[in-house]
Amino acid sequence: APEQGQFTTVGFYPPSRRLRLNARTREGGSIL
């Protein structure tokens, strides 16, 4: 997402209770 973007996953049963992301944010960027 060079500027802004969003998406939703399909429904699923989570295999555990916590999330971690492999990601990179640029200056002023973030992920929610």
ModelCIF file with pLDDT and N, C-alpha, C, O atoms, coordinates in Angstrom:
data_MODEL
#
_entry.id   MODEL 
#
_entity.id                         1 
_entity.type                       polymer 
_entity.pdbx_number_of_molecules   1 
#
_entity_poly.entity_id                      1 
_entity_poly.type                           'polypeptide(L)' 
_entity_poly.nstd_linkage                   no 
_entity_poly.nstd_monomer                   no 
_entity_poly.pdbx_seq_one_letter_code       APEQGQFTTVGFYPPSRRLRLNARTREGGSIL 
_entity_poly.pdbx_seq_one_letter_code_can   APEQGQFTTVGFYPPSRRLRLNARTREGGSIL 
_entity_poly.pdbx_strand_id                 A 
#
loop_
_entity_poly_seq.entity_id 
_entity_poly_seq.num 
_entity_poly_seq.mon_id 
_entity_poly_seq.hetero 
1 1  ALA n 
1 2  PRO n 
1 3  GLU n 
1 4  GLN n 
1 5  GLY n 
1 6  GLN n 
1 7  PHE n 
1 8  THR n 
1 9  THR n 
1 10 VAL n 
1 11 GLY n 
1 12 PHE n 
1 13 TYR n 
1 14 PRO n 
1 15 PRO n 
1 16 SER n 
1 17 ARG n 
1 18 ARG n 
1 19 LEU n 
1 20 ARG n 
1 21 LEU n 
1 22 ASN n 
1 23 ALA n 
1 24 ARG n 
1 25 THR n 
1 26 ARG n 
1 27 GLU n 
1 28 GLY n 
1 29 GLY n 
1 30 SER n 
1 31 ILE n 
1 32 LEU n 
#
_struct_asym.id          A 
_struct_asym.entity_id   1 
#
loop_
_ma_qa_metric.id 
_ma_qa_metric.mode 
_ma_qa_metric.name 
_ma_qa_metric.software_group_id 
_ma_qa_metric.type 
1 global pLDDT . pLDDT 
2 local  pLDDT . pLDDT 
#
_ma_qa_metric_global.metric_id      1 
_ma_qa_metric_global.metric_value   96.66 
_ma_qa_metric_global.model_id       1 
_ma_qa_metric_global.ordinal_id     1 
#
loop_
_ma_qa_metric_local.label_asym_id 
_ma_qa_metric_local.label_comp_id 
_ma_qa_metric_local.label_seq_id 
_ma_qa_metric_local.metric_id 
_ma_qa_metric_local.metric_value 
_ma_qa_metric_local.model_id 
_ma_qa_metric_local.ordinal_id 
A ALA 1  2 97.00 1 1  
A PRO 2  2 97.00 1 2  
A GLU 3  2 97.00 1 3  
A GLN 4  2 98.00 1 4  
A GLY 5  2 97.00 1 5  
A GLN 6  2 97.00 1 6  
A PHE 7  2 97.00 1 7  
A THR 8  2 97.00 1 8  
A THR 9  2 97.00 1 9  
A VAL 10 2 97.00 1 10 
A GLY 11 2 96.00 1 11 
A PHE 12 2 96.00 1 12 
A TYR 13 2 95.00 1 13 
A PRO 14 2 95.00 1 14 
A PRO 15 2 94.00 1 15 
A SER 16 2 94.00 1 16 
A ARG 17 2 93.00 1 17 
A ARG 18 2 96.00 1 18 
A LEU 19 2 97.00 1 19 
A ARG 20 2 97.00 1 20 
A LEU 21 2 98.00 1 21 
A ASN 22 2 97.00 1 22 
A ALA 23 2 98.00 1 23 
A ARG 24 2 97.00 1 24 
A THR 25 2 98.00 1 25 
A ARG 26 2 97.00 1 26 
A GLU 27 2 96.00 1 27 
A GLY 28 2 96.00 1 28 
A GLY 29 2 98.00 1 29 
A SER 30 2 98.00 1 30 
A ILE 31 2 98.00 1 31 
A LEU 32 2 98.00 1 32 
#
loop_
_atom_site.group_PDB 
_atom_site.id 
_atom_site.type_symbol 
_atom_site.label_atom_id 
_atom_site.label_alt_id 
_atom_site.label_comp_id 
_atom_site.label_asym_id 
_atom_site.label_entity_id 
_atom_site.label_seq_id 
_atom_site.pdbx_PDB_ins_code 
_atom_site.Cartn_x 
_atom_site.Cartn_y 
_atom_site.Cartn_z 
_atom_site.occupancy 
_atom_site.B_iso_or_equiv 
_atom_site.pdbx_formal_charge 
_atom_site.auth_seq_id 
_atom_site.auth_comp_id 
_atom_site.auth_asym_id 
_atom_site.auth_atom_id 
_atom_site.pdbx_PDB_model_num 
ATOM 1   N N  . ALA A 1 1  ? 0.864   -1.181  0.000  1.00 97.00 ? 1  ALA A N  1 
ATOM 2   C CA . ALA A 1 1  ? 0.000   0.000   0.000  1.00 97.00 ? 1  ALA A CA 1 
ATOM 3   C C  . ALA A 1 1  ? 0.901   1.231   0.000  1.00 97.00 ? 1  ALA A C  1 
ATOM 4   O O  . ALA A 1 1  ? 1.249   1.736   1.068  1.00 97.00 ? 1  ALA A O  1 
ATOM 5   N N  . PRO A 1 2  ? 1.290   1.730   -1.191 1.00 97.00 ? 2  PRO A N  1 
ATOM 6   C CA . PRO A 1 2  ? 2.159   2.910   -1.234 1.00 97.00 ? 2  PRO A CA 1 
ATOM 7   C C  . PRO A 1 2  ? 1.537   4.118   -0.532 1.00 97.00 ? 2  PRO A C  1 
ATOM 8   O O  . PRO A 1 2  ? 2.243   4.931   0.065  1.00 97.00 ? 2  PRO A O  1 
ATOM 9   N N  . GLU A 1 3  ? 0.212   4.225   -0.610 1.00 97.00 ? 3  GLU A N  1 
ATOM 10  C CA . GLU A 1 3  ? -0.475  5.298   0.102  1.00 97.00 ? 3  GLU A CA 1 
ATOM 11  C C  . GLU A 1 3  ? -1.417  4.688   1.143  1.00 97.00 ? 3  GLU A C  1 
ATOM 12  O O  . GLU A 1 3  ? -1.085  4.638   2.327  1.00 97.00 ? 3  GLU A O  1 
ATOM 13  N N  . GLN A 1 4  ? -2.602  4.222   0.698  1.00 98.00 ? 4  GLN A N  1 
ATOM 14  C CA . GLN A 1 4  ? -3.536  3.582   1.624  1.00 98.00 ? 4  GLN A CA 1 
ATOM 15  C C  . GLN A 1 4  ? -4.192  2.382   0.969  1.00 98.00 ? 4  GLN A C  1 
ATOM 16  O O  . GLN A 1 4  ? -4.391  2.361   -0.245 1.00 98.00 ? 4  GLN A O  1 
ATOM 17  N N  . GLY A 1 5  ? -4.527  1.386   1.772  1.00 97.00 ? 5  GLY A N  1 
ATOM 18  C CA . GLY A 1 5  ? -5.230  0.215   1.275  1.00 97.00 ? 5  GLY A CA 1 
ATOM 19  C C  . GLY A 1 5  ? -5.843  -0.547  2.431  1.00 97.00 ? 5  GLY A C  1 
ATOM 20  O O  . GLY A 1 5  ? -5.449  -0.373  3.584  1.00 97.00 ? 5  GLY A O  1 
ATOM 21  N N  . GLN A 1 6  ? -6.804  -1.390  2.116  1.00 97.00 ? 6  GLN A N  1 
ATOM 22  C CA . GLN A 1 6  ? -7.406  -2.222  3.159  1.00 97.00 ? 6  GLN A CA 1 
ATOM 23  C C  . GLN A 1 6  ? -7.945  -3.495  2.536  1.00 97.00 ? 6  GLN A C  1 
ATOM 24  O O  . GLN A 1 6  ? -8.266  -3.533  1.348  1.00 97.00 ? 6  GLN A O  1 
ATOM 25  N N  . PHE A 1 7  ? -8.042  -4.536  3.351  1.00 97.00 ? 7  PHE A N  1 
ATOM 26  C CA . PHE A 1 7  ? -8.619  -5.797  2.906  1.00 97.00 ? 7  PHE A CA 1 
ATOM 27  C C  . PHE A 1 7  ? -9.128  -6.566  4.107  1.00 97.00 ? 7  PHE A C  1 
ATOM 28  O O  . PHE A 1 7  ? -8.773  -6.277  5.250  1.00 97.00 ? 7  PHE A O  1 
ATOM 29  N N  . THR A 1 8  ? -9.969  -7.556  3.825  1.00 97.00 ? 8  THR A N  1 
ATOM 30  C CA . THR A 1 8  ? -10.558 -8.422  4.849  1.00 97.00 ? 8  THR A CA 1 
ATOM 31  C C  . THR A 1 8  ? -10.313 -9.870  4.451  1.00 97.00 ? 8  THR A C  1 
ATOM 32  O O  . THR A 1 8  ? -10.450 -10.227 3.281  1.00 97.00 ? 8  THR A O  1 
ATOM 33  N N  . THR A 1 9  ? -9.953  -10.696 5.411  1.00 97.00 ? 9  THR A N  1 
ATOM 34  C CA . THR A 1 9  ? -9.758  -12.119 5.143  1.00 97.00 ? 9  THR A CA 1 
ATOM 35  C C  . THR A 1 9  ? -11.108 -12.819 5.043  1.00 97.00 ? 9  THR A C  1 
ATOM 36  O O  . THR A 1 9  ? -12.141 -12.248 5.395  1.00 97.00 ? 9  THR A O  1 
ATOM 37  N N  . VAL A 1 10 ? -11.093 -14.027 4.573  1.00 97.00 ? 10 VAL A N  1 
ATOM 38  C CA . VAL A 1 10 ? -12.280 -14.883 4.644  1.00 97.00 ? 10 VAL A CA 1 
ATOM 39  C C  . VAL A 1 10 ? -12.432 -15.333 6.098  1.00 97.00 ? 10 VAL A C  1 
ATOM 40  O O  . VAL A 1 10 ? -11.501 -15.194 6.890  1.00 97.00 ? 10 VAL A O  1 
ATOM 41  N N  . GLY A 1 11 ? -13.583 -15.862 6.443  1.00 96.00 ? 11 GLY A N  1 
ATOM 42  C CA . GLY A 1 11 ? -13.795 -16.364 7.794  1.00 96.00 ? 11 GLY A CA 1 
ATOM 43  C C  . GLY A 1 11 ? -12.969 -17.620 8.056  1.00 96.00 ? 11 GLY A C  1 
ATOM 44  O O  . GLY A 1 11 ? -12.803 -18.457 7.169  1.00 96.00 ? 11 GLY A O  1 
ATOM 45  N N  . PHE A 1 12 ? -12.457 -17.745 9.269  1.00 96.00 ? 12 PHE A N  1 
ATOM 46  C CA . PHE A 1 12 ? -11.654 -18.909 9.645  1.00 96.00 ? 12 PHE A CA 1 
ATOM 47  C C  . PHE A 1 12 ? -11.625 -19.048 11.162 1.00 96.00 ? 12 PHE A C  1 
ATOM 48  O O  . PHE A 1 12 ? -11.964 -18.119 11.895 1.00 96.00 ? 12 PHE A O  1 
ATOM 49  N N  . TYR A 1 13 ? -11.211 -20.228 11.612 1.00 95.00 ? 13 TYR A N  1 
ATOM 50  C CA . TYR A 1 13 ? -10.993 -20.475 13.035 1.00 95.00 ? 13 TYR A CA 1 
ATOM 51  C C  . TYR A 1 13 ? -9.526  -20.190 13.331 1.00 95.00 ? 13 TYR A C  1 
ATOM 52  O O  . TYR A 1 13 ? -8.655  -20.853 12.767 1.00 95.00 ? 13 TYR A O  1 
ATOM 53  N N  . PRO A 1 14 ? -9.227  -19.234 14.191 1.00 95.00 ? 14 PRO A N  1 
ATOM 54  C CA . PRO A 1 14 ? -7.822  -18.908 14.446 1.00 95.00 ? 14 PRO A CA 1 
ATOM 55  C C  . PRO A 1 14 ? -7.106  -20.051 15.156 1.00 95.00 ? 14 PRO A C  1 
ATOM 56  O O  . PRO A 1 14 ? -7.647  -20.628 16.099 1.00 95.00 ? 14 PRO A O  1 
ATOM 57  N N  . PRO A 1 15 ? -5.898  -20.384 14.715 1.00 94.00 ? 15 PRO A N  1 
ATOM 58  C CA . PRO A 1 15 ? -5.156  -21.491 15.335 1.00 94.00 ? 15 PRO A CA 1 
ATOM 59  C C  . PRO A 1 15 ? -4.567  -21.146 16.703 1.00 94.00 ? 15 PRO A C  1 
ATOM 60  O O  . PRO A 1 15 ? -4.207  -22.045 17.464 1.00 94.00 ? 15 PRO A O  1 
ATOM 61  N N  . SER A 1 16 ? -4.466  -19.864 17.020 1.00 94.00 ? 16 SER A N  1 
ATOM 62  C CA . SER A 1 16 ? -4.030  -19.446 18.355 1.00 94.00 ? 16 SER A CA 1 
ATOM 63  C C  . SER A 1 16 ? -4.590  -18.048 18.614 1.00 94.00 ? 16 SER A C  1 
ATOM 64  O O  . SER A 1 16 ? -5.353  -17.526 17.801 1.00 94.00 ? 16 SER A O  1 
ATOM 65  N N  . ARG A 1 17 ? -4.223  -17.452 19.718 1.00 93.00 ? 17 ARG A N  1 
ATOM 66  C CA . ARG A 1 17 ? -4.911  -16.240 20.178 1.00 93.00 ? 17 ARG A CA 1 
ATOM 67  C C  . ARG A 1 17 ? -4.172  -14.935 19.917 1.00 93.00 ? 17 ARG A C  1 
ATOM 68  O O  . ARG A 1 17 ? -4.732  -13.869 20.169 1.00 93.00 ? 17 ARG A O  1 
ATOM 69  N N  . ARG A 1 18 ? -2.939  -14.974 19.423 1.00 96.00 ? 18 ARG A N  1 
ATOM 70  C CA . ARG A 1 18 ? -2.166  -13.749 19.205 1.00 96.00 ? 18 ARG A CA 1 
ATOM 71  C C  . ARG A 1 18 ? -1.669  -13.687 17.770 1.00 96.00 ? 18 ARG A C  1 
ATOM 72  O O  . ARG A 1 18 ? -1.497  -14.714 17.114 1.00 96.00 ? 18 ARG A O  1 
ATOM 73  N N  . LEU A 1 19 ? -1.439  -12.454 17.286 1.00 97.00 ? 19 LEU A N  1 
ATOM 74  C CA . LEU A 1 19 ? -0.984  -12.238 15.912 1.00 97.00 ? 19 LEU A CA 1 
ATOM 75  C C  . LEU A 1 19 ? 0.380   -11.561 15.886 1.00 97.00 ? 19 LEU A C  1 
ATOM 76  O O  . LEU A 1 19 ? 0.715   -10.749 16.748 1.00 97.00 ? 19 LEU A O  1 
ATOM 77  N N  . ARG A 1 20 ? 1.147   -11.920 14.877 1.00 97.00 ? 20 ARG A N  1 
ATOM 78  C CA . ARG A 1 20 ? 2.353   -11.155 14.574 1.00 97.00 ? 20 ARG A CA 1 
ATOM 79  C C  . ARG A 1 20 ? 2.412   -10.982 13.063 1.00 97.00 ? 20 ARG A C  1 
ATOM 80  O O  . ARG A 1 20 ? 1.949   -11.833 12.303 1.00 97.00 ? 20 ARG A O  1 
ATOM 81  N N  . LEU A 1 21 ? 2.983   -9.877  12.651 1.00 98.00 ? 21 LEU A N  1 
ATOM 82  C CA . LEU A 1 21 ? 3.064   -9.545  11.238 1.00 98.00 ? 21 LEU A CA 1 
ATOM 83  C C  . LEU A 1 21 ? 4.517   -9.498  10.785 1.00 98.00 ? 21 LEU A C  1 
ATOM 84  O O  . LEU A 1 21 ? 5.398   -9.067  11.529 1.00 98.00 ? 21 LEU A O  1 
ATOM 85  N N  . ASN A 1 22 ? 4.754   -9.943  9.568  1.00 97.00 ? 22 ASN A N  1 
ATOM 86  C CA . ASN A 1 22 ? 6.011   -9.709  8.884  1.00 97.00 ? 22 ASN A CA 1 
ATOM 87  C C  . ASN A 1 22 ? 5.707   -8.538  7.961  1.00 97.00 ? 22 ASN A C  1 
ATOM 88  O O  . ASN A 1 22 ? 5.030   -8.705  6.946  1.00 97.00 ? 22 ASN A O  1 
ATOM 89  N N  . ALA A 1 23 ? 6.203   -7.354  8.307  1.00 98.00 ? 23 ALA A N  1 
ATOM 90  C CA . ALA A 1 23 ? 5.787   -6.148  7.598  1.00 98.00 ? 23 ALA A CA 1 
ATOM 91  C C  . ALA A 1 23 ? 6.881   -5.090  7.624  1.00 98.00 ? 23 ALA A C  1 
ATOM 92  O O  . ALA A 1 23 ? 7.859   -5.178  8.367  1.00 98.00 ? 23 ALA A O  1 
ATOM 93  N N  . ARG A 1 24 ? 6.668   -4.084  6.777  1.00 97.00 ? 24 ARG A N  1 
ATOM 94  C CA . ARG A 1 24 ? 7.550   -2.915  6.748  1.00 97.00 ? 24 ARG A CA 1 
ATOM 95  C C  . ARG A 1 24 ? 6.679   -1.689  6.520  1.00 97.00 ? 24 ARG A C  1 
ATOM 96  O O  . ARG A 1 24 ? 5.888   -1.637  5.577  1.00 97.00 ? 24 ARG A O  1 
ATOM 97  N N  . THR A 1 25 ? 6.835   -0.703  7.399  1.00 98.00 ? 25 THR A N  1 
ATOM 98  C CA . THR A 1 25 ? 6.127   0.553   7.201  1.00 98.00 ? 25 THR A CA 1 
ATOM 99  C C  . THR A 1 25 ? 7.137   1.613   6.793  1.00 98.00 ? 25 THR A C  1 
ATOM 100 O O  . THR A 1 25 ? 8.258   1.657   7.299  1.00 98.00 ? 25 THR A O  1 
ATOM 101 N N  . ARG A 1 26 ? 6.714   2.465   5.865  1.00 97.00 ? 26 ARG A N  1 
ATOM 102 C CA . ARG A 1 26 ? 7.558   3.575   5.444  1.00 97.00 ? 26 ARG A CA 1 
ATOM 103 C C  . ARG A 1 26 ? 7.349   4.753   6.399  1.00 97.00 ? 26 ARG A C  1 
ATOM 104 O O  . ARG A 1 26 ? 6.526   4.678   7.311  1.00 97.00 ? 26 ARG A O  1 
ATOM 105 N N  . GLU A 1 27 ? 8.089   5.830   6.187  1.00 96.00 ? 27 GLU A N  1 
ATOM 106 C CA . GLU A 1 27 ? 7.959   7.009   7.026  1.00 96.00 ? 27 GLU A CA 1 
ATOM 107 C C  . GLU A 1 27 ? 6.509   7.493   7.037  1.00 96.00 ? 27 GLU A C  1 
ATOM 108 O O  . GLU A 1 27 ? 5.916   7.719   5.982  1.00 96.00 ? 27 GLU A O  1 
ATOM 109 N N  . GLY A 1 28 ? 5.953   7.648   8.215  1.00 96.00 ? 28 GLY A N  1 
ATOM 110 C CA . GLY A 1 28 ? 4.572   8.081   8.365  1.00 96.00 ? 28 GLY A CA 1 
ATOM 111 C C  . GLY A 1 28 ? 3.547   6.975   8.166  1.00 96.00 ? 28 GLY A C  1 
ATOM 112 O O  . GLY A 1 28 ? 2.346   7.231   8.253  1.00 96.00 ? 28 GLY A O  1 
ATOM 113 N N  . GLY A 1 29 ? 3.994   5.754   7.901  1.00 98.00 ? 29 GLY A N  1 
ATOM 114 C CA . GLY A 1 29 ? 3.083   4.646   7.639  1.00 98.00 ? 29 GLY A CA 1 
ATOM 115 C C  . GLY A 1 29 ? 2.734   3.862   8.888  1.00 98.00 ? 29 GLY A C  1 
ATOM 116 O O  . GLY A 1 29 ? 3.383   3.988   9.927  1.00 98.00 ? 29 GLY A O  1 
ATOM 117 N N  . SER A 1 30 ? 1.692   3.045   8.767  1.00 98.00 ? 30 SER A N  1 
ATOM 118 C CA . SER A 1 30 ? 1.276   2.188   9.876  1.00 98.00 ? 30 SER A CA 1 
ATOM 119 C C  . SER A 1 30 ? 0.334   1.115   9.354  1.00 98.00 ? 30 SER A C  1 
ATOM 120 O O  . SER A 1 30 ? -0.171  1.190   8.234  1.00 98.00 ? 30 SER A O  1 
ATOM 121 N N  . ILE A 1 31 ? 0.114   0.125   10.190 1.00 98.00 ? 31 ILE A N  1 
ATOM 122 C CA . ILE A 1 31 ? -0.856  -0.936  9.910  1.00 98.00 ? 31 ILE A CA 1 
ATOM 123 C C  . ILE A 1 31 ? -1.772  -1.047  11.114 1.00 98.00 ? 31 ILE A C  1 
ATOM 124 O O  . ILE A 1 31 ? -1.312  -1.047  12.256 1.00 98.00 ? 31 ILE A O  1 
ATOM 125 N N  . LEU A 1 32 ? -3.072  -1.143  10.857 1.00 98.00 ? 32 LEU A N  1 
ATOM 126 C CA . LEU A 1 32 ? -4.074  -1.355  11.904 1.00 98.00 ? 32 LEU A CA 1 
ATOM 127 C C  . LEU A 1 32 ? -4.807  -2.657  11.599 1.00 98.00 ? 32 LEU A C  1 
ATOM 128 O O  . LEU A 1 32 ? -5.704  -3.050  12.345 1.00 98.00 ? 32 LEU A O  1 
#
